[in-house]
C-alpha cells in the first residue's frame, strides 16, 4: 500500500480512538521513532507484535 494511503488510513483510525489512548499511542510512536534509528530490529519486533 502506498505511504500516502497508509497515512490516510491511520488518520481515519486515529479519529476514532478514545482520547485516553491517544497519549499512550503518541508516546509509543515517539519512542519507536528514536529506537528504529538506533535499532533496526525494533521494526521487526513491532511488526510481529502488531500481527
N, C-alpha and C. Protein backbone atom coordinates (compact mmCIF):
# COMPACT_ATOMS: atom_id res chain seq x y z
N UNK A 1 0.86 -1.17 0.00
CA UNK A 1 0.00 0.00 0.00
C UNK A 1 0.90 1.23 0.00
N UNK A 2 0.62 2.19 -0.83
CA UNK A 2 1.45 3.41 -0.86
C UNK A 2 1.42 4.16 0.47
N UNK A 3 2.51 4.84 0.77
CA UNK A 3 2.64 5.56 2.04
C UNK A 3 1.49 6.53 2.26
N UNK A 4 1.11 7.25 1.22
CA UNK A 4 0.04 8.23 1.36
C UNK A 4 -1.27 7.56 1.79
N UNK A 5 -1.55 6.41 1.22
CA UNK A 5 -2.77 5.67 1.55
C UNK A 5 -2.70 5.15 2.99
N UNK A 6 -1.54 4.64 3.40
CA UNK A 6 -1.37 4.14 4.76
C UNK A 6 -1.61 5.27 5.76
N UNK A 7 -1.01 6.43 5.50
CA UNK A 7 -1.19 7.57 6.41
C UNK A 7 -2.66 8.00 6.48
N UNK A 8 -3.33 7.96 5.36
CA UNK A 8 -4.74 8.32 5.33
C UNK A 8 -5.57 7.34 6.17
N UNK A 9 -5.28 6.05 6.04
CA UNK A 9 -5.99 5.04 6.82
C UNK A 9 -5.70 5.19 8.32
N UNK A 10 -4.46 5.47 8.65
CA UNK A 10 -4.09 5.69 10.05
C UNK A 10 -4.85 6.89 10.60
N UNK A 11 -4.92 7.96 9.84
CA UNK A 11 -5.63 9.16 10.28
C UNK A 11 -7.10 8.85 10.55
N UNK A 12 -7.72 8.08 9.69
CA UNK A 12 -9.12 7.71 9.90
C UNK A 12 -9.29 6.96 11.22
N UNK A 13 -8.37 6.04 11.49
CA UNK A 13 -8.44 5.28 12.74
C UNK A 13 -8.17 6.16 13.95
N UNK A 14 -7.22 7.08 13.83
CA UNK A 14 -6.91 7.97 14.94
C UNK A 14 -8.12 8.81 15.34
N UNK A 15 -8.93 9.15 14.37
CA UNK A 15 -10.13 9.94 14.65
C UNK A 15 -11.15 9.16 15.48
N UNK A 16 -11.01 7.84 15.56
CA UNK A 16 -11.98 7.03 16.30
C UNK A 16 -11.43 6.48 17.62
N UNK A 17 -10.14 6.69 17.87
CA UNK A 17 -9.52 6.15 19.08
C UNK A 17 -9.88 7.02 20.28
N UNK A 18 -10.22 6.41 21.40
CA UNK A 18 -10.55 7.19 22.60
C UNK A 18 -9.38 8.09 23.01
N UNK A 19 -9.72 9.26 23.51
CA UNK A 19 -8.72 10.27 23.86
C UNK A 19 -7.67 9.76 24.85
N UNK A 20 -8.09 8.93 25.80
CA UNK A 20 -7.14 8.46 26.81
C UNK A 20 -6.09 7.52 26.23
N UNK A 21 -6.34 6.96 25.07
CA UNK A 21 -5.39 6.06 24.42
C UNK A 21 -4.41 6.84 23.54
N UNK A 22 -4.84 8.00 23.05
CA UNK A 22 -4.02 8.76 22.12
C UNK A 22 -2.65 9.14 22.69
N UNK A 23 -2.61 9.57 23.94
CA UNK A 23 -1.32 9.96 24.53
C UNK A 23 -0.38 8.77 24.63
N UNK A 24 -0.90 7.62 25.03
CA UNK A 24 -0.07 6.42 25.08
C UNK A 24 0.45 6.05 23.70
N UNK A 25 -0.40 6.16 22.71
CA UNK A 25 0.00 5.85 21.34
C UNK A 25 1.07 6.83 20.86
N UNK A 26 0.89 8.10 21.15
CA UNK A 26 1.88 9.10 20.77
C UNK A 26 3.22 8.83 21.44
N UNK A 27 3.19 8.53 22.72
CA UNK A 27 4.43 8.22 23.45
C UNK A 27 5.13 7.01 22.84
N UNK A 28 4.35 5.98 22.52
CA UNK A 28 4.91 4.78 21.92
C UNK A 28 5.55 5.08 20.56
N UNK A 29 4.84 5.85 19.74
CA UNK A 29 5.36 6.17 18.41
C UNK A 29 6.64 7.00 18.48
N UNK A 30 6.69 7.93 19.41
CA UNK A 30 7.91 8.73 19.57
C UNK A 30 9.09 7.86 19.99
N UNK A 31 8.83 6.94 20.91
CA UNK A 31 9.89 6.03 21.36
C UNK A 31 10.31 5.11 20.22
N UNK A 32 9.35 4.62 19.47
CA UNK A 32 9.67 3.75 18.34
C UNK A 32 10.48 4.49 17.30
N UNK A 33 10.18 5.74 17.09
CA UNK A 33 10.91 6.55 16.12
C UNK A 33 12.38 6.66 16.52
N UNK A 34 12.63 6.90 17.79
CA UNK A 34 14.01 7.01 18.29
C UNK A 34 14.72 5.66 18.17
N UNK A 35 14.04 4.62 18.60
CA UNK A 35 14.64 3.30 18.65
C UNK A 35 14.95 2.75 17.27
N UNK A 36 14.07 3.02 16.31
CA UNK A 36 14.24 2.47 14.98
C UNK A 36 15.54 2.95 14.35
N UNK A 37 15.89 4.19 14.60
CA UNK A 37 17.13 4.73 14.04
C UNK A 37 18.35 4.01 14.62
N UNK A 38 18.27 3.67 15.89
CA UNK A 38 19.39 3.03 16.57
C UNK A 38 19.33 1.51 16.53
N UNK A 39 18.14 0.96 16.32
CA UNK A 39 17.95 -0.47 16.45
C UNK A 39 16.97 -0.97 15.38
N UNK A 40 17.49 -1.38 14.22
CA UNK A 40 16.59 -1.84 13.15
C UNK A 40 15.76 -3.06 13.53
N UNK A 41 16.19 -3.80 14.54
CA UNK A 41 15.42 -4.97 14.98
C UNK A 41 14.07 -4.56 15.56
N UNK A 42 13.97 -3.33 16.07
CA UNK A 42 12.71 -2.88 16.66
C UNK A 42 11.59 -2.94 15.63
N UNK A 43 11.88 -2.56 14.41
CA UNK A 43 10.86 -2.60 13.37
C UNK A 43 10.36 -4.02 13.19
N UNK A 44 11.25 -4.97 13.18
CA UNK A 44 10.87 -6.36 13.04
C UNK A 44 10.02 -6.82 14.23
N UNK A 45 10.42 -6.46 15.43
CA UNK A 45 9.67 -6.84 16.63
C UNK A 45 8.29 -6.18 16.64
N UNK A 46 8.24 -4.92 16.27
CA UNK A 46 6.97 -4.20 16.24
C UNK A 46 6.02 -4.87 15.25
N UNK A 47 6.53 -5.24 14.11
CA UNK A 47 5.71 -5.91 13.10
C UNK A 47 5.14 -7.21 13.65
N UNK A 48 5.95 -7.96 14.39
CA UNK A 48 5.49 -9.22 14.98
C UNK A 48 4.40 -8.97 16.01
N UNK A 49 4.56 -7.96 16.83
CA UNK A 49 3.57 -7.62 17.86
C UNK A 49 2.24 -7.25 17.21
N UNK A 50 2.31 -6.44 16.19
CA UNK A 50 1.08 -5.98 15.53
C UNK A 50 0.34 -7.14 14.87
N UNK A 51 1.10 -8.06 14.29
CA UNK A 51 0.46 -9.20 13.64
C UNK A 51 -0.04 -10.16 14.69
